[in-house]
Structure formats: C-alpha cells, structure tokens
Amino acid sequence: MFRSESFFRQFPIFTDLTEEELNRLRQISVERDLRKGETIFRQNEKRHSVYFIRTGLVKVYKIDLEGHEQIVNVLHSDEMFPHVGFFDETPYPATAIALTDVRIVGVPIEEFEWLLMEKPGMAIKVMRVIGKKLLELQERLQTIQSQDVFRRIVMMLVRFAKELGVKKSTGEIYLQLPITNSELASMIGVSRETVNRVFNRLKKEEIITYNRKEIHILDYEQLKTYWIH
C-alpha cells in the first residue's frame, strides 16, 4: 500500500476522485525505489502497471531493427508513464530505465482502467495528457525535419531548462544534464561531434558554460531567440 495522502492529488487527472476512491488507489499502488540504471520495464513486455514519478528522472527509449537505441523521452517528477496502450493488450512500446536514483509509484493497469471507466471525467483528463504528449512528440519530429542542427540542439536545451533547470538568484539557470552528449545527439538525429560544436559555439558566445555533468545557462532569453528565429 502507498501511504502518501497528497501525492495523487497533485495530478489533475485525480482531482475528481473522492477520498474513498483515493484511498482505494493508494491501497492498490506500490512504491518502488530504483537505483540509477535499473530497468522499470522493457520494450515488448506485457503491460502490468502505469507509473507515476515521485522523484528522479526516467529515460524512455526504443531499440530499432538495427539494434540502435533511440531515446523517446526523458521524464521527471510528477509525470505519468507510459502514455499509450490503455484498454488493449499491446505490450510496453519502449524500455524505461532510471536515469538517476528514482522513486516511482505503480498502479496495476487493470485497476487503473477500471477507474477510467468509472470516472469519465478522469478518462477525459488522461486523454488530454496523452494528446499533449503526442503533440510534443509531433512538434519534436517536425523540428528535426525542418530545422537546422543548431536550432534542434538549442530547442532541446530550452526544453531541458524549462523542465529540469534550477534558476539562481543571479538569473542563471543551472541544469544537471541527465543524459550524455551522445544520448542528446540520439534524441534529435545528429552526431555527438555536432552537439559538441554547438555547445562550444554557445560557450564562446557566453550563452552557456558547461562540463561533462552540468550546464550553466548564462543568458536564457538569448538562448530562446536562437530557437525562435
């Protein structure tokens, strides 16, 4: 049984649940702690749970026919995953691993689907979440196809800054980049060397400073203009 009384309340999809229904949700939920690198589920495994992230980062990726890893997303605290496959027997569409030490809460898929059937309002909210994620993926694919490599990389930095960055009193944004340059390159379809060149250009222009583990965004507004224009 998952004992936190406030965690699920912060998810908009659960706002219409009564206390009795939330108690039932907690009773069937299981909290897990995973170390960095541990697998949550694998691509093509039978789906058994839907997950909610309490702390940490989760990497979701697919393996293509040639055995190459393609990162689909990096998820952070207060996100639900996976976002597809409700009310059918399809397996997990991708592999999910702990990118950092993580704490997740799993809800059995059958029970979650029962809640969706019992609560049409909740089902609508879940569909909105799914729609938003699909739109984000579509926009990312469109960016990859239509933008030059410089803007692709800037776009990912802006996204990570918004979702994972910590703003300091100086106005700088501290970003502990959760993936390597090679993995970032995989997400947007460029080479690691290209990522390095763009980072070096941004450093030379005093937009960022960086090392292997972290990035300091010195001028976030200027960084955004590179993406927009």
C-alpha atoms as a PDB file:
ATOM      1  CA  MET A   1       0.000   0.000   0.000  1.00  0.00           C
ATOM      2  CA  PHE A   2       1.205   3.502  -0.885  1.00  0.00           C
ATOM      3  CA  ARG A   3       0.731   5.716   2.184  1.00  0.00           C
ATOM      4  CA  SER A   4       1.146   9.290   0.937  1.00  0.00           C
ATOM      5  CA  GLU A   5      -2.175  11.137   1.161  1.00  0.00           C
ATOM      6  CA  SER A   6      -1.206  14.104  -1.015  1.00  0.00           C
ATOM      7  CA  PHE A   7       0.829  12.686  -3.910  1.00  0.00           C
ATOM      8  CA  PHE A   8      -2.015  11.696  -6.241  1.00  0.00           C
ATOM      9  CA  ARG A   9      -3.904  14.921  -5.516  1.00  0.00           C
ATOM     10  CA  GLN A  10      -1.285  16.952  -7.382  1.00  0.00           C
ATOM     11  CA  PHE A  11      -2.156  15.168 -10.639  1.00  0.00           C
ATOM     12  CA  PRO A  12      -5.068  16.918 -12.414  1.00  0.00           C
ATOM     13  CA  ILE A  13      -6.438  13.563 -13.581  1.00  0.00           C
ATOM     14  CA  PHE A  14      -7.249  12.620  -9.970  1.00  0.00           C
ATOM     15  CA  THR A  15      -8.898  15.848  -8.788  1.00  0.00           C
ATOM     16  CA  ASP A  16     -12.427  14.460  -9.188  1.00  0.00           C
ATOM     17  CA  LEU A  17     -11.820  11.357  -7.074  1.00  0.00           C
ATOM     18  CA  THR A  18     -13.480  11.099  -3.679  1.00  0.00           C
ATOM     19  CA  GLU A  19     -11.437  10.333  -0.567  1.00  0.00           C
ATOM     20  CA  GLU A  20     -12.758   6.781  -0.670  1.00  0.00           C
ATOM     21  CA  GLU A  21     -11.600   6.371  -4.267  1.00  0.00           C
ATOM     22  CA  LEU A  22      -8.205   7.892  -3.477  1.00  0.00           C
ATOM     23  CA  ASN A  23      -7.839   5.503  -0.546  1.00  0.00           C
ATOM     24  CA  ARG A  24      -8.567   2.612  -2.881  1.00  0.00           C
ATOM     25  CA  LEU A  25      -5.986   3.939  -5.331  1.00  0.00           C
ATOM     26  CA  ARG A  26      -3.398   4.111  -2.556  1.00  0.00           C
ATOM     27  CA  GLN A  27      -4.239   0.583  -1.413  1.00  0.00           C
ATOM     28  CA  ILE A  28      -3.530  -0.929  -4.824  1.00  0.00           C
ATOM     29  CA  SER A  29      -0.439   1.212  -5.519  1.00  0.00           C
ATOM     30  CA  VAL A  30       3.116   0.085  -4.863  1.00  0.00           C
ATOM     31  CA  GLU A  31       6.033   2.439  -4.245  1.00  0.00           C
ATOM     32  CA  ARG A  32       9.451   1.421  -5.550  1.00  0.00           C
ATOM     33  CA  ASP A  33      12.939   2.837  -5.184  1.00  0.00           C
ATOM     34  CA  LEU A  34      15.321   2.154  -8.047  1.00  0.00           C
ATOM     35  CA  ARG A  35      18.981   2.916  -8.432  1.00  0.00           C
ATOM     36  CA  LYS A  36      20.390   4.675 -11.467  1.00  0.00           C
ATOM     37  CA  GLY A  37      20.450   2.286 -14.425  1.00  0.00           C
ATOM     38  CA  GLU A  38      17.793  -0.123 -13.140  1.00  0.00           C
ATOM     39  CA  THR A  39      15.068  -1.153 -15.576  1.00  0.00           C
ATOM     40  CA  ILE A  40      11.423  -0.342 -14.858  1.00  0.00           C
ATOM     41  CA  PHE A  41      10.042  -2.217 -17.856  1.00  0.00           C
ATOM     42  CA  ARG A  42      11.302  -3.394 -21.226  1.00  0.00           C
ATOM     43  CA  GLN A  43      10.069  -2.857 -24.756  1.00  0.00           C
ATOM     44  CA  ASN A  44       7.546  -5.557 -25.795  1.00  0.00           C
ATOM     45  CA  GLU A  45       6.999  -6.820 -22.238  1.00  0.00           C
ATOM     46  CA  LYS A  46       3.403  -7.394 -21.203  1.00  0.00           C
ATOM     47  CA  ARG A  47       1.989  -4.253 -19.616  1.00  0.00           C
ATOM     48  CA  HIS A  48       1.190  -4.656 -15.943  1.00  0.00           C
ATOM     49  CA  SER A  49       1.299  -1.156 -14.431  1.00  0.00           C
ATOM     50  CA  VAL A  50       1.078   2.544 -15.114  1.00  0.00           C
ATOM     51  CA  TYR A  51       3.664   4.590 -13.223  1.00  0.00           C
ATOM     52  CA  PHE A  52       3.925   7.977 -11.553  1.00  0.00           C
ATOM     53  CA  ILE A  53       7.314   9.524 -10.752  1.00  0.00           C
ATOM     54  CA  ARG A  54       7.801  10.908  -7.235  1.00  0.00           C
ATOM     55  CA  THR A  55      11.478  11.842  -7.551  1.00  0.00           C
ATOM     56  CA  GLY A  56      14.238  11.436 -10.106  1.00  0.00           C
ATOM     57  CA  LEU A  57      14.440  11.087 -13.875  1.00  0.00           C
ATOM     58  CA  VAL A  58      13.368   8.257 -16.174  1.00  0.00           C
ATOM     59  CA  LYS A  59      14.683   7.624 -19.684  1.00  0.00           C
ATOM     60  CA  VAL A  60      12.316   6.049 -22.202  1.00  0.00           C
ATOM     61  CA  TYR A  61      13.878   4.592 -25.330  1.00  0.00           C
ATOM     62  CA  LYS A  62      13.239   2.190 -28.194  1.00  0.00           C
ATOM     63  CA  ILE A  63      15.591  -0.215 -29.942  1.00  0.00           C
ATOM     64  CA  ASP A  64      15.367  -0.081 -33.735  1.00  0.00           C
ATOM     65  CA  LEU A  65      15.718  -3.023 -36.121  1.00  0.00           C
ATOM     66  CA  GLU A  66      19.475  -2.485 -36.317  1.00  0.00           C
ATOM     67  CA  GLY A  67      19.840  -2.580 -32.540  1.00  0.00           C
ATOM     68  CA  HIS A  68      20.404   1.147 -32.070  1.00  0.00           C
ATOM     69  CA  GLU A  69      18.953   2.989 -29.094  1.00  0.00           C
ATOM     70  CA  GLN A  70      16.576   5.857 -29.870  1.00  0.00           C
ATOM     71  CA  ILE A  71      15.622   7.996 -26.873  1.00  0.00           C
ATOM     72  CA  VAL A  72      11.917   8.825 -26.924  1.00  0.00           C
ATOM     73  CA  ASN A  73      11.716  10.998 -23.830  1.00  0.00           C
ATOM     74  CA  VAL A  74      13.221  11.998 -20.512  1.00  0.00           C
ATOM     75  CA  LEU A  75      10.570  12.147 -17.787  1.00  0.00           C
ATOM     76  CA  HIS A  76      10.777  13.897 -14.428  1.00  0.00           C
ATOM     77  CA  SER A  77       8.904  14.021 -11.116  1.00  0.00           C
ATOM     78  CA  ASP A  78       5.099  14.293 -11.186  1.00  0.00           C
ATOM     79  CA  GLU A  79       4.806  12.679 -14.616  1.00  0.00           C
ATOM     80  CA  MET A  80       2.779   9.615 -15.596  1.00  0.00           C
ATOM     81  CA  PHE A  81       4.043   6.942 -17.984  1.00  0.00           C
ATOM     82  CA  PRO A  82       3.561   5.148 -20.315  1.00  0.00           C
ATOM     83  CA  HIS A  83       1.006   7.295 -22.122  1.00  0.00           C
ATOM     84  CA  VAL A  84      -0.325   4.697 -24.540  1.00  0.00           C
ATOM     85  CA  GLY A  85      -1.905   1.258 -24.586  1.00  0.00           C
ATOM     86  CA  PHE A  86      -4.966   1.616 -22.375  1.00  0.00           C
ATOM     87  CA  PHE A  87      -7.845  -0.838 -22.911  1.00  0.00           C
ATOM     88  CA  ASP A  88      -5.936  -3.179 -25.187  1.00  0.00           C
ATOM     89  CA  GLU A  89      -3.373  -5.947 -24.908  1.00  0.00           C
ATOM     90  CA  THR A  90      -0.446  -4.178 -26.530  1.00  0.00           C
ATOM     91  CA  PRO A  91       2.891  -4.582 -24.721  1.00  0.00           C
ATOM     92  CA  TYR A  92       5.061  -1.773 -23.443  1.00  0.00           C
ATOM     93  CA  PRO A  93       6.046   0.268 -26.522  1.00  0.00           C
ATOM     94  CA  ALA A  94       9.510   1.156 -25.220  1.00  0.00           C
ATOM     95  CA  THR A  95      12.002   0.491 -22.434  1.00  0.00           C
ATOM     96  CA  ALA A  96      12.094   2.675 -19.315  1.00  0.00           C
ATOM     97  CA  ILE A  97      15.130   2.879 -17.044  1.00  0.00           C
ATOM     98  CA  ALA A  98      16.106   5.003 -14.068  1.00  0.00           C
ATOM     99  CA  LEU A  99      18.298   7.818 -15.372  1.00  0.00           C
ATOM    100  CA  THR A 100      19.013   8.836 -11.772  1.00  0.00           C
ATOM    101  CA  ASP A 101      18.007   7.237  -8.497  1.00  0.00           C
ATOM    102  CA  VAL A 102      14.209   7.333  -8.700  1.00  0.00           C
ATOM    103  CA  ARG A 103      11.129   6.721  -6.600  1.00  0.00           C
ATOM    104  CA  ILE A 104       8.066   5.662  -8.556  1.00  0.00           C
ATOM    105  CA  VAL A 105       4.530   4.580  -7.738  1.00  0.00           C
ATOM    106  CA  GLY A 106       2.984   1.789  -9.802  1.00  0.00           C
ATOM    107  CA  VAL A 107      -0.750   1.219 -10.260  1.00  0.00           C
ATOM    108  CA  PRO A 108      -1.922  -2.115 -11.750  1.00  0.00           C
ATOM    109  CA  ILE A 109      -3.161  -1.419 -15.261  1.00  0.00           C
ATOM    110  CA  GLU A 110      -6.452  -3.308 -14.776  1.00  0.00           C
ATOM    111  CA  GLU A 111      -7.341  -1.226 -11.728  1.00  0.00           C
ATOM    112  CA  PHE A 112      -6.346   1.984 -13.467  1.00  0.00           C
ATOM    113  CA  GLU A 113      -8.529   1.140 -16.456  1.00  0.00           C
ATOM    114  CA  TRP A 114     -11.403   0.372 -14.087  1.00  0.00           C
ATOM    115  CA  LEU A 115     -11.066   3.873 -12.620  1.00  0.00           C
ATOM    116  CA  LEU A 116     -11.159   5.365 -16.103  1.00  0.00           C
ATOM    117  CA  MET A 117     -14.382   3.508 -16.872  1.00  0.00           C
ATOM    118  CA  GLU A 118     -15.959   4.520 -13.574  1.00  0.00           C
ATOM    119  CA  LYS A 119     -14.864   8.151 -13.864  1.00  0.00           C
ATOM    120  CA  PRO A 120     -15.473   9.590 -17.358  1.00  0.00           C
ATOM    121  CA  GLY A 121     -14.082  12.953 -16.247  1.00  0.00           C
ATOM    122  CA  MET A 122     -10.820  11.289 -15.277  1.00  0.00           C
ATOM    123  CA  ALA A 123     -10.713   9.446 -18.605  1.00  0.00           C
ATOM    124  CA  ILE A 124     -11.068  12.747 -20.461  1.00  0.00           C
ATOM    125  CA  LYS A 125      -8.167  14.236 -18.487  1.00  0.00           C
ATOM    126  CA  VAL A 126      -5.987  11.222 -19.249  1.00  0.00           C
ATOM    127  CA  MET A 127      -6.819  11.608 -22.944  1.00  0.00           C
ATOM    128  CA  ARG A 128      -5.738  15.249 -22.715  1.00  0.00           C
ATOM    129  CA  VAL A 129      -2.418  14.226 -21.174  1.00  0.00           C
ATOM    130  CA  ILE A 130      -1.911  11.657 -23.921  1.00  0.00           C
ATOM    131  CA  GLY A 131      -2.852  14.223 -26.569  1.00  0.00           C
ATOM    132  CA  LYS A 132      -0.364  16.711 -25.147  1.00  0.00           C
ATOM    133  CA  LYS A 133       2.437  14.140 -25.182  1.00  0.00           C
ATOM    134  CA  LEU A 134       1.641  13.130 -28.746  1.00  0.00           C
ATOM    135  CA  LEU A 135       1.640  16.795 -29.785  1.00  0.00           C
ATOM    136  CA  GLU A 136       5.027  17.329 -28.121  1.00  0.00           C
ATOM    137  CA  LEU A 137       6.425  14.317 -29.971  1.00  0.00           C
ATOM    138  CA  GLN A 138       4.955  15.546 -33.253  1.00  0.00           C
ATOM    139  CA  GLU A 139       6.464  19.003 -32.733  1.00  0.00           C
ATOM    140  CA  ARG A 140       9.844  17.484 -31.937  1.00  0.00           C
ATOM    141  CA  LEU A 141       9.751  15.348 -35.085  1.00  0.00           C
ATOM    142  CA  GLN A 142       8.711  18.379 -37.119  1.00  0.00           C
ATOM    143  CA  THR A 143      11.596  20.364 -35.665  1.00  0.00           C
ATOM    144  CA  ILE A 144      14.029  17.574 -36.534  1.00  0.00           C
ATOM    145  CA  GLN A 145      12.769  17.515 -40.104  1.00  0.00           C
ATOM    146  CA  SER A 146      12.506  21.257 -40.713  1.00  0.00           C
ATOM    147  CA  GLN A 147      15.178  22.958 -38.583  1.00  0.00           C
ATOM    148  CA  ASP A 148      18.926  23.029 -38.954  1.00  0.00           C
ATOM    149  CA  VAL A 149      21.009  21.134 -36.420  1.00  0.00           C
ATOM    150  CA  PHE A 150      21.883  24.258 -34.430  1.00  0.00           C
ATOM    151  CA  ARG A 151      18.220  25.031 -33.733  1.00  0.00           C
ATOM    152  CA  ARG A 152      17.460  21.388 -32.928  1.00  0.00           C
ATOM    153  CA  ILE A 153      20.080  21.356 -30.195  1.00  0.00           C
ATOM    154  CA  VAL A 154      19.037  24.757 -28.859  1.00  0.00           C
ATOM    155  CA  MET A 155      15.425  23.543 -28.767  1.00  0.00           C
ATOM    156  CA  MET A 156      16.386  20.591 -26.563  1.00  0.00           C
ATOM    157  CA  LEU A 157      18.410  22.825 -24.234  1.00  0.00           C
ATOM    158  CA  VAL A 158      15.447  25.184 -23.863  1.00  0.00           C
ATOM    159  CA  ARG A 159      13.174  22.252 -23.115  1.00  0.00           C
ATOM    160  CA  PHE A 160      15.523  20.768 -20.507  1.00  0.00           C
ATOM    161  CA  ALA A 161      15.972  24.206 -18.924  1.00  0.00           C
ATOM    162  CA  LYS A 162      12.198  24.651 -18.597  1.00  0.00           C
ATOM    163  CA  GLU A 163      11.567  21.180 -17.211  1.00  0.00           C
ATOM    164  CA  LEU A 164      14.698  20.418 -15.194  1.00  0.00           C
ATOM    165  CA  GLY A 165      16.584  23.675 -14.689  1.00  0.00           C
ATOM    166  CA  VAL A 166      17.066  25.459 -11.369  1.00  0.00           C
ATOM    167  CA  LYS A 167      17.007  29.246 -11.595  1.00  0.00           C
ATOM    168  CA  LYS A 168      19.538  31.027  -9.383  1.00  0.00           C
ATOM    169  CA  SER A 169      19.320  34.484  -7.838  1.00  0.00           C
ATOM    170  CA  THR A 170      21.755  35.721 -10.492  1.00  0.00           C
ATOM    171  CA  GLY A 171      19.265  34.791 -13.207  1.00  0.00           C
ATOM    172  CA  GLU A 172      21.410  31.929 -14.442  1.00  0.00           C
ATOM    173  CA  ILE A 173      19.818  28.518 -14.889  1.00  0.00           C
ATOM    174  CA  TYR A 174      21.658  25.527 -13.507  1.00  0.00           C
ATOM    175  CA  LEU A 175      20.999  22.329 -15.411  1.00  0.00           C
ATOM    176  CA  GLN A 176      22.364  18.976 -14.393  1.00  0.00           C
ATOM    177  CA  LEU A 177      22.065  17.395 -17.808  1.00  0.00           C
ATOM    178  CA  PRO A 178      20.566  13.926 -17.299  1.00  0.00           C
ATOM    179  CA  ILE A 179      21.977  12.448 -20.491  1.00  0.00           C
ATOM    180  CA  THR A 180      25.315  12.387 -22.274  1.00  0.00           C
ATOM    181  CA  ASN A 181      26.065  14.355 -25.417  1.00  0.00           C
ATOM    182  CA  SER A 182      25.794  11.095 -27.357  1.00  0.00           C
ATOM    183  CA  GLU A 183      22.306  10.469 -25.966  1.00  0.00           C
ATOM    184  CA  LEU A 184      21.263  14.046 -26.690  1.00  0.00           C
ATOM    185  CA  ALA A 185      22.503  13.565 -30.239  1.00  0.00           C
ATOM    186  CA  SER A 186      20.420  10.385 -30.490  1.00  0.00           C
ATOM    187  CA  MET A 187      17.269  12.243 -29.448  1.00  0.00           C
ATOM    188  CA  ILE A 188      17.500  14.757 -32.267  1.00  0.00           C
ATOM    189  CA  GLY A 189      19.208  12.800 -35.005  1.00  0.00           C
ATOM    190  CA  VAL A 190      22.666  14.370 -35.108  1.00  0.00           C
ATOM    191  CA  SER A 191      26.196  13.254 -34.258  1.00  0.00           C
ATOM    192  CA  ARG A 192      27.902  13.714 -30.891  1.00  0.00           C
ATOM    193  CA  GLU A 193      30.540  15.852 -32.591  1.00  0.00           C
ATOM    194  CA  THR A 194      27.813  18.203 -33.820  1.00  0.00           C
ATOM    195  CA  VAL A 195      26.449  18.587 -30.287  1.00  0.00           C
ATOM    196  CA  ASN A 196      29.951  19.379 -29.053  1.00  0.00           C
ATOM    197  CA  ARG A 197      30.434  22.020 -31.754  1.00  0.00           C
ATOM    198  CA  VAL A 198      27.145  23.727 -30.906  1.00  0.00           C
ATOM    199  CA  PHE A 199      27.937  23.689 -27.184  1.00  0.00           C
ATOM    200  CA  ASN A 200      31.347  25.214 -27.895  1.00  0.00           C
ATOM    201  CA  ARG A 201      29.754  27.936 -30.028  1.00  0.00           C
ATOM    202  CA  LEU A 202      27.261  28.771 -27.269  1.00  0.00           C
ATOM    203  CA  LYS A 203      30.099  28.835 -24.754  1.00  0.00           C
ATOM    204  CA  LYS A 204      32.168  31.158 -26.949  1.00  0.00           C
ATOM    205  CA  GLU A 205      29.166  33.489 -27.254  1.00  0.00           C
ATOM    206  CA  GLU A 206      28.815  33.404 -23.431  1.00  0.00           C
ATOM    207  CA  ILE A 207      25.346  31.879 -23.571  1.00  0.00           C
ATOM    208  CA  ILE A 208      26.353  28.810 -21.561  1.00  0.00           C
ATOM    209  CA  THR A 209      29.217  27.271 -19.672  1.00  0.00           C
ATOM    210  CA  TYR A 210      29.375  23.515 -19.275  1.00  0.00           C
ATOM    211  CA  ASN A 211      31.301  20.447 -18.275  1.00  0.00           C
ATOM    212  CA  ARG A 212      30.539  16.736 -18.571  1.00  0.00           C
ATOM    213  CA  LYS A 213      27.930  16.762 -15.809  1.00  0.00           C
ATOM    214  CA  GLU A 214      26.233  20.138 -15.845  1.00  0.00           C
ATOM    215  CA  ILE A 215      25.357  23.215 -17.858  1.00  0.00           C
ATOM    216  CA  HIS A 216      25.010  26.787 -16.640  1.00  0.00           C
ATOM    217  CA  ILE A 217      22.768  28.799 -18.926  1.00  0.00           C
ATOM    218  CA  LEU A 218      24.022  32.363 -18.554  1.00  0.00           C
ATOM    219  CA  ASP A 219      21.536  34.028 -20.913  1.00  0.00           C
ATOM    220  CA  TYR A 220      18.319  32.029 -21.219  1.00  0.00           C
ATOM    221  CA  GLU A 221      16.451  34.741 -23.124  1.00  0.00           C
ATOM    222  CA  GLN A 222      19.168  34.901 -25.766  1.00  0.00           C
ATOM    223  CA  LEU A 223      19.183  31.116 -25.995  1.00  0.00           C
ATOM    224  CA  LYS A 224      15.437  31.159 -26.726  1.00  0.00           C
ATOM    225  CA  THR A 225      15.878  33.695 -29.511  1.00  0.00           C
ATOM    226  CA  TYR A 226      18.232  31.286 -31.300  1.00  0.00           C
ATOM    227  CA  TRP A 227      15.423  28.732 -31.330  1.00  0.00           C
ATOM    228  CA  ILE A 228      12.626  31.115 -32.353  1.00  0.00           C
ATOM    229  CA  HIS A 229      14.409  32.999 -35.159  1.00  0.00           C
END
